[in-house]
Each structure stands twice: as structure tokens, then as C-alpha cells.
Amino acid sequence: MAALVAGSPVIPHERPLLPCRFLARYDRFIASVELDGEVVDAHCVNPGRMEGLVHPGARAWVSAVPPDSKRKLRYTLELLEVDGRYVGANTVVPNRLAEILVRAGCVPGLKRFRSLRREVRYGENSRIDMLLEQGAHRHYVEVKNCHLVYPDGGAYFPDSVSVRAAGHLRELAAVAGAGDRATVLFTVQREDACFLRPSRLHDPAFAAAATEAAAAGVRFRALTIAPRPDGFHYLGPLPVRLGPYATEPLEPFREALAPFSGWRRRGGRG
């Protein structure tokens, strides 16, 4: 488990990053990149639309899998530079970052615990990202990745319908209703957000589930983590706004980013 760099809230990358050019996104989980003059496929660890991030020709960074790995795709897309800003592209990374920051006592509301366990089964068919325990007290922490920020300064999650994410909120509401503590922890992998909102524009059901979960006692927190080639810089907490808001002003933002979102099909080629 990596730790914070001494004297600075910077978390190193697990493996060295290799600079490249992003070319295209195929079949959701494949990113075509130009690396050292050669076009290669990298694993795109992101199930969402990556709204506004799919820019052909953008600077990007990948990591190489260990030499003894049997994985077919030998690289993983980690970082993109969009409009002069670094954005984290790997949605698995936030779980590691959140654990490091919680263990270091950097996250408000998540400092009192004796043990931390990952991927613990709970509810009907779920796994919690982190379970904090202190005696008989349990605190369930669900980590969500966010990379979409609009010109109004808001970070919005999710960027497409996520039935699974809404289900997590209902499970956490049940946990809170039973007397345990529950928190949704958003990690915003870019540094230009001023606040975070559940996106009523992209997934009204998730936004409604967030409101219901908050009423049941689930807490919502967000962190700004600036991903850069030298590591992940922790910039601190970010306000979470759960109240109602109009979605009409956001629609032009989504339309402007639509050409740089989603993925293309590429026949049967893997």
C-alpha cells in the first residue's frame, strides 16, 4: 500500500506512467493510443461515457502491466490532458486513493476507526468499498469516481445512467436505517471543481436515490484529487450539494461535450 509523500499530500502512481497520444475509444473498454511511434490498444477502465474526455490527439499517459501478467492488453489508460487540465481516466484508482487518505486521517468524518476492511459483502448483493470498524460501531463507505465538471464549476456524477450506483445508495440507506453509519465518498479526479452534485441531468433516478439516502442518514462527502504525471495531489474536501436545481442551464454544456464522449464500435477486432 503506497503512502503519502512525506510532507506533501501526494500519492505516487502504482506504476510509472508513459506519455502517449490518445487516438480513439473503442468498444467502451479499449483506448487506442500512439506510444513511441506505435499504435497500441490500452485498457480503458471506465464504464461511463467519459463525457468531454474523448479528444483524438490529446496528450495521455498509460501504465504498463507487469511483465509476468497474462493480460492481453499490455497497457492501461491512466491520465488525459483536456483543455490544459489533467483528468484521471482510471475509475479503479479512486478506491486506492480513498483508502490511503482515510488511513492517513485526511478525510473529515472518516477518522475514527480501529480497523479498515475492503470489499466486504453486505446487503442483498453488494460489496462495500471500505468498512471502518471501532468496537461494535461500523461505518460503510462507498467510493465513487467523478471526472465531469461543467463551466458552472459543478462536478456531476454520474455522466450516464447508472442503475448499479443508484442500487448502492438504496443499500446504504438500509444500512443507515438499521443504525450503522454510511457515507458516499466522491473522488473528483480533476482540480477545477467548486462543488459536487448528483446529476439530475444524466440520471434522475440516482439523484432521487441520493436525496432519499440523505434523508435516511447517509452522508455525502467529496474530495478533490488532482491527477498529474508525478502523482495524485490531494487538494482537500469539496462541498456536496444535494438540493434541487434546474437542469435546463446544463443542457448546452452536455451538448457541447457530446462530440467528445462515448465510444465507437470496431467490428470483431479486440
Protein backbone atom coordinates (compact mmCIF):
# COMPACT_ATOMS: atom_id res chain seq x y z
CA MET A 1 0.00 0.00 0.00
CA ALA A 2 1.53 3.30 -1.11
CA ALA A 3 1.61 6.16 1.37
CA LEU A 4 1.51 9.92 1.13
CA VAL A 5 4.80 11.53 0.15
CA ALA A 6 6.46 12.86 3.29
CA GLY A 7 5.48 16.46 3.97
CA SER A 8 3.13 16.68 0.99
CA PRO A 9 -0.33 15.23 0.21
CA VAL A 10 0.86 13.48 -2.96
CA ILE A 11 0.16 9.82 -3.63
CA PRO A 12 2.54 8.14 -6.08
CA HIS A 13 1.26 6.22 -9.07
CA GLU A 14 1.37 2.44 -8.60
CA ARG A 15 3.46 2.07 -11.76
CA PRO A 16 5.44 4.54 -13.88
CA LEU A 17 3.39 6.49 -16.43
CA LEU A 18 4.35 6.51 -20.10
CA PRO A 19 3.46 9.58 -22.22
CA CYS A 20 1.46 8.93 -25.39
CA ARG A 21 -1.24 10.36 -27.66
CA PHE A 22 -4.87 9.40 -27.27
CA LEU A 23 -6.37 8.40 -30.63
CA ALA A 24 -9.81 6.86 -30.07
CA ARG A 25 -12.02 4.87 -27.72
CA TYR A 26 -13.45 1.59 -29.00
CA ASP A 27 -15.98 -0.88 -27.60
CA ARG A 28 -16.10 1.03 -24.30
CA PHE A 29 -13.06 -0.59 -22.71
CA ILE A 30 -10.36 -0.09 -25.36
CA ALA A 31 -8.32 3.08 -25.84
CA SER A 32 -6.19 3.35 -28.95
CA VAL A 33 -3.02 5.36 -28.27
CA GLU A 34 0.20 6.23 -30.06
CA LEU A 35 3.10 5.17 -27.86
CA ASP A 36 6.70 5.65 -29.01
CA GLY A 37 5.54 5.93 -32.62
CA GLU A 38 3.44 2.76 -32.49
CA VAL A 39 -0.35 2.48 -32.27
CA VAL A 40 -1.32 0.16 -29.42
CA ASP A 41 -4.51 -0.74 -27.55
CA ALA A 42 -4.78 0.07 -23.86
CA HIS A 43 -7.39 -0.99 -21.33
CA CYS A 44 -9.85 1.86 -20.69
CA VAL A 45 -11.01 1.25 -17.12
CA ASN A 46 -14.12 3.41 -17.34
CA PRO A 47 -17.66 2.08 -17.86
CA GLY A 48 -19.25 5.52 -18.34
CA ARG A 49 -19.43 7.88 -21.33
CA MET A 50 -16.28 9.78 -20.29
CA GLU A 51 -18.20 12.91 -21.25
CA GLY A 52 -15.87 15.52 -22.73
CA LEU A 53 -12.73 13.40 -22.37
CA VAL A 54 -12.60 11.59 -25.72
CA HIS A 55 -10.37 14.01 -27.64
CA PRO A 56 -8.38 12.44 -30.51
CA GLY A 57 -4.83 13.77 -30.39
CA ALA A 58 -4.91 14.68 -26.70
CA ARG A 59 -1.86 14.08 -24.57
CA ALA A 60 -2.30 10.97 -22.45
CA TRP A 61 -0.42 8.65 -20.14
CA VAL A 62 -0.61 4.88 -19.79
CA SER A 63 0.90 2.35 -17.41
CA ALA A 64 2.35 -0.98 -18.48
CA VAL A 65 1.16 -4.21 -16.90
CA PRO A 66 3.80 -6.32 -15.08
CA PRO A 67 5.90 -8.46 -17.44
CA ASP A 68 4.51 -11.69 -15.97
CA SER A 69 0.88 -10.64 -16.44
CA LYS A 70 -1.17 -12.75 -18.85
CA ARG A 71 -3.48 -9.86 -19.72
CA LYS A 72 -3.94 -9.34 -23.45
CA LEU A 73 -3.94 -5.54 -23.29
CA ARG A 74 -0.46 -4.64 -22.08
CA TYR A 75 -1.24 -1.04 -21.13
CA THR A 76 -3.85 0.80 -19.06
CA LEU A 77 -5.09 4.32 -19.78
CA GLU A 78 -4.41 6.40 -16.65
CA LEU A 79 -4.38 10.10 -17.45
CA LEU A 80 -5.65 12.52 -20.09
CA GLU A 81 -4.93 16.19 -20.69
CA VAL A 82 -8.07 18.05 -21.80
CA ASP A 83 -8.13 21.82 -22.34
CA GLY A 84 -4.86 22.14 -20.46
CA ARG A 85 -6.11 20.19 -17.43
CA TYR A 86 -5.15 16.75 -16.22
CA VAL A 87 -8.06 14.34 -15.73
CA GLY A 88 -7.87 10.86 -14.25
CA ALA A 89 -9.24 8.23 -16.64
CA ASN A 90 -8.94 5.11 -14.48
CA THR A 91 -12.07 4.61 -12.35
CA VAL A 92 -10.48 1.86 -10.23
CA VAL A 93 -7.76 4.16 -8.89
CA PRO A 94 -10.06 6.19 -6.56
CA ASN A 95 -10.60 3.18 -4.28
CA ARG A 96 -6.86 3.00 -3.62
CA LEU A 97 -6.57 6.76 -3.18
CA ALA A 98 -9.53 6.92 -0.81
CA GLU A 99 -8.11 4.16 1.36
CA ILE A 100 -4.73 5.88 1.61
CA LEU A 101 -6.32 9.22 2.51
CA VAL A 102 -8.64 7.66 5.09
CA ARG A 103 -5.81 5.73 6.72
CA ALA A 104 -3.78 8.96 6.83
CA GLY A 105 -6.62 10.76 8.62
CA CYS A 106 -7.13 13.25 5.78
CA VAL A 107 -10.88 12.81 5.26
CA PRO A 108 -13.31 14.68 7.54
CA GLY A 109 -15.86 12.39 9.15
CA LEU A 110 -13.79 9.26 8.44
CA LYS A 111 -11.09 9.47 11.10
CA ARG A 112 -12.39 7.38 13.99
CA PHE A 113 -11.86 3.66 13.42
CA ARG A 114 -9.66 0.82 14.60
CA SER A 115 -9.81 -1.38 11.53
CA LEU A 116 -10.43 -0.90 7.81
CA ARG A 117 -11.52 -3.69 5.52
CA ARG A 118 -12.03 -3.59 1.77
CA GLU A 119 -14.66 -5.22 -0.44
CA VAL A 120 -16.87 -6.54 2.38
CA ARG A 121 -20.17 -8.15 1.40
CA TYR A 122 -23.32 -6.51 2.71
CA GLY A 123 -26.99 -6.03 1.84
CA GLU A 124 -28.60 -8.29 -0.72
CA ASN A 125 -25.85 -8.50 -3.31
CA SER A 126 -23.30 -5.72 -2.76
CA ARG A 127 -19.73 -5.18 -1.65
CA ILE A 128 -18.78 -2.07 0.28
CA ASP A 129 -15.56 -0.38 -0.79
CA MET A 130 -14.44 0.27 2.80
CA LEU A 131 -15.82 -0.89 6.12
CA LEU A 132 -14.49 1.08 9.09
CA GLU A 133 -14.94 -0.59 12.46
CA GLN A 134 -14.42 0.54 16.04
CA GLY A 135 -15.73 -1.93 18.57
CA ALA A 136 -19.38 -2.59 17.73
CA HIS A 137 -19.61 0.52 15.55
CA ARG A 138 -19.48 0.07 11.78
CA HIS A 139 -19.15 2.72 9.09
CA TYR A 140 -19.85 1.73 5.47
CA VAL A 141 -18.04 3.85 2.87
CA GLU A 142 -18.89 3.69 -0.83
CA VAL A 143 -16.35 5.35 -3.15
CA LYS A 144 -17.49 6.95 -6.42
CA ASN A 145 -15.29 8.38 -9.17
CA CYS A 146 -16.20 11.70 -10.81
CA HIS A 147 -14.46 13.37 -13.75
CA LEU A 148 -17.18 15.57 -15.28
CA VAL A 149 -17.01 19.30 -14.46
CA TYR A 150 -19.21 21.90 -16.18
CA PRO A 151 -18.50 25.63 -16.68
CA ASP A 152 -20.73 26.42 -13.67
CA GLY A 153 -18.00 24.89 -11.50
CA GLY A 154 -20.04 21.81 -10.64
CA ALA A 155 -18.73 18.27 -10.69
CA TYR A 156 -21.59 15.99 -11.77
CA PHE A 157 -21.99 12.29 -11.09
CA PRO A 158 -22.79 10.10 -12.94
CA ASP A 159 -22.25 11.13 -16.57
CA SER A 160 -24.73 8.48 -17.77
CA VAL A 161 -27.47 6.33 -16.27
CA SER A 162 -26.06 4.04 -13.58
CA VAL A 163 -28.61 1.59 -12.19
CA ARG A 164 -25.84 -0.02 -10.16
CA ALA A 165 -24.86 3.25 -8.45
CA ALA A 166 -28.48 4.00 -7.52
CA GLY A 167 -28.73 0.49 -6.09
CA HIS A 168 -25.71 1.19 -3.89
CA LEU A 169 -27.48 4.22 -2.43
CA ARG A 170 -30.55 2.17 -1.56
CA GLU A 171 -28.36 -0.43 0.15
CA LEU A 172 -26.60 2.29 2.16
CA ALA A 173 -29.94 3.83 3.14
CA ALA A 174 -30.93 0.46 4.58
CA VAL A 175 -27.64 0.27 6.48
CA ALA A 176 -28.17 3.73 7.96
CA GLY A 177 -31.76 2.87 8.83
CA ALA A 178 -30.52 -0.17 10.75
CA GLY A 179 -28.31 2.02 12.96
CA ASP A 180 -24.88 1.84 11.30
CA ARG A 181 -23.11 4.79 9.70
CA ALA A 182 -22.86 5.13 5.93
CA THR A 183 -21.02 7.57 3.68
CA VAL A 184 -20.76 8.08 -0.07
CA LEU A 185 -17.29 9.43 -0.83
CA PHE A 186 -16.87 11.05 -4.25
CA THR A 187 -13.33 11.45 -5.55
CA VAL A 188 -13.13 14.14 -8.24
CA GLN A 189 -10.14 13.34 -10.44
CA ARG A 190 -9.50 16.88 -11.66
CA GLU A 191 -8.85 20.17 -9.89
CA ASP A 192 -11.31 22.67 -11.40
CA ALA A 193 -14.49 21.77 -9.49
CA CYS A 194 -16.05 24.12 -6.91
CA PHE A 195 -18.78 21.75 -5.70
CA LEU A 196 -20.32 18.36 -6.50
CA ARG A 197 -23.90 17.41 -7.33
CA PRO A 198 -25.68 14.14 -8.10
CA SER A 199 -26.55 14.66 -11.76
CA ARG A 200 -30.28 15.09 -12.30
CA LEU A 201 -29.47 15.74 -15.97
CA HIS A 202 -27.78 12.40 -16.62
CA ASP A 203 -29.52 10.13 -14.12
CA PRO A 204 -32.62 11.48 -12.34
CA ALA A 205 -33.11 8.13 -10.57
CA PHE A 206 -29.65 8.35 -9.00
CA ALA A 207 -30.25 11.95 -7.91
CA ALA A 208 -33.56 10.96 -6.33
CA ALA A 209 -31.91 8.00 -4.60
CA ALA A 210 -29.26 10.37 -3.21
CA THR A 211 -31.94 12.60 -1.72
CA GLU A 212 -33.69 9.61 -0.17
CA ALA A 213 -30.42 8.18 1.16
CA ALA A 214 -29.50 11.51 2.77
CA ALA A 215 -32.92 11.60 4.47
CA ALA A 216 -32.21 8.10 5.81
CA GLY A 217 -28.95 9.27 7.36
CA VAL A 218 -26.37 8.56 4.64
CA ARG A 219 -23.67 11.22 4.49
CA PHE A 220 -22.21 12.56 1.26
CA ARG A 221 -18.64 13.83 1.02
CA ALA A 222 -16.34 14.73 -1.87
CA LEU A 223 -12.59 15.14 -2.30
CA THR A 224 -10.60 16.94 -4.97
CA ILE A 225 -7.67 14.85 -6.17
CA ALA A 226 -5.57 16.37 -8.93
CA PRO A 227 -4.00 13.60 -11.04
CA ARG A 228 -0.68 14.60 -12.56
CA PRO A 229 2.18 12.69 -14.16
CA ASP A 230 4.16 12.88 -10.89
CA GLY A 231 1.32 11.53 -8.73
CA PHE A 232 -2.09 12.29 -7.25
CA HIS A 233 -2.22 15.61 -5.41
CA TYR A 234 -4.83 15.73 -2.66
CA LEU A 235 -6.38 19.22 -2.62
CA GLY A 236 -8.94 18.71 0.14
CA PRO A 237 -12.71 18.39 0.66
CA LEU A 238 -15.27 19.66 -1.83
CA PRO A 239 -18.83 20.76 -0.91
CA VAL A 240 -21.65 18.39 -1.90
CA ARG A 241 -24.97 19.98 -2.91
CA LEU A 242 -27.94 17.65 -2.64
CA GLY A 243 -30.71 20.22 -3.02
CA PRO A 244 -32.96 20.55 -6.11
CA TYR A 245 -31.73 22.53 -9.11
CA ALA A 246 -32.79 23.25 -12.68
CA THR A 247 -31.21 21.06 -15.34
CA GLU A 248 -32.04 23.27 -18.34
CA PRO A 249 -28.95 25.51 -17.92
CA LEU A 250 -26.77 22.40 -18.01
CA GLU A 251 -28.09 21.02 -21.29
CA PRO A 252 -25.92 23.28 -23.53
CA PHE A 253 -22.85 22.10 -21.60
CA ARG A 254 -23.70 18.47 -22.31
CA GLU A 255 -24.43 19.18 -25.97
CA ALA A 256 -21.07 20.94 -26.38
CA LEU A 257 -19.24 17.91 -24.96
CA ALA A 258 -21.27 15.28 -26.83
CA PRO A 259 -18.80 15.00 -29.78
CA PHE A 260 -16.06 14.15 -27.27
CA SER A 261 -17.92 11.45 -25.38
CA GLY A 262 -18.72 7.76 -25.61
CA TRP A 263 -17.02 5.22 -27.87
CA ARG A 264 -17.13 3.65 -31.32
CA ARG A 265 -17.62 0.04 -32.37
CA ARG A 266 -14.70 -1.65 -34.04
CA GLY A 267 -16.03 -4.82 -35.63
CA GLY A 268 -14.83 -8.00 -34.03
CA ARG A 269 -11.30 -6.74 -33.53
CA GLY A 270 -10.13 -6.99 -29.86
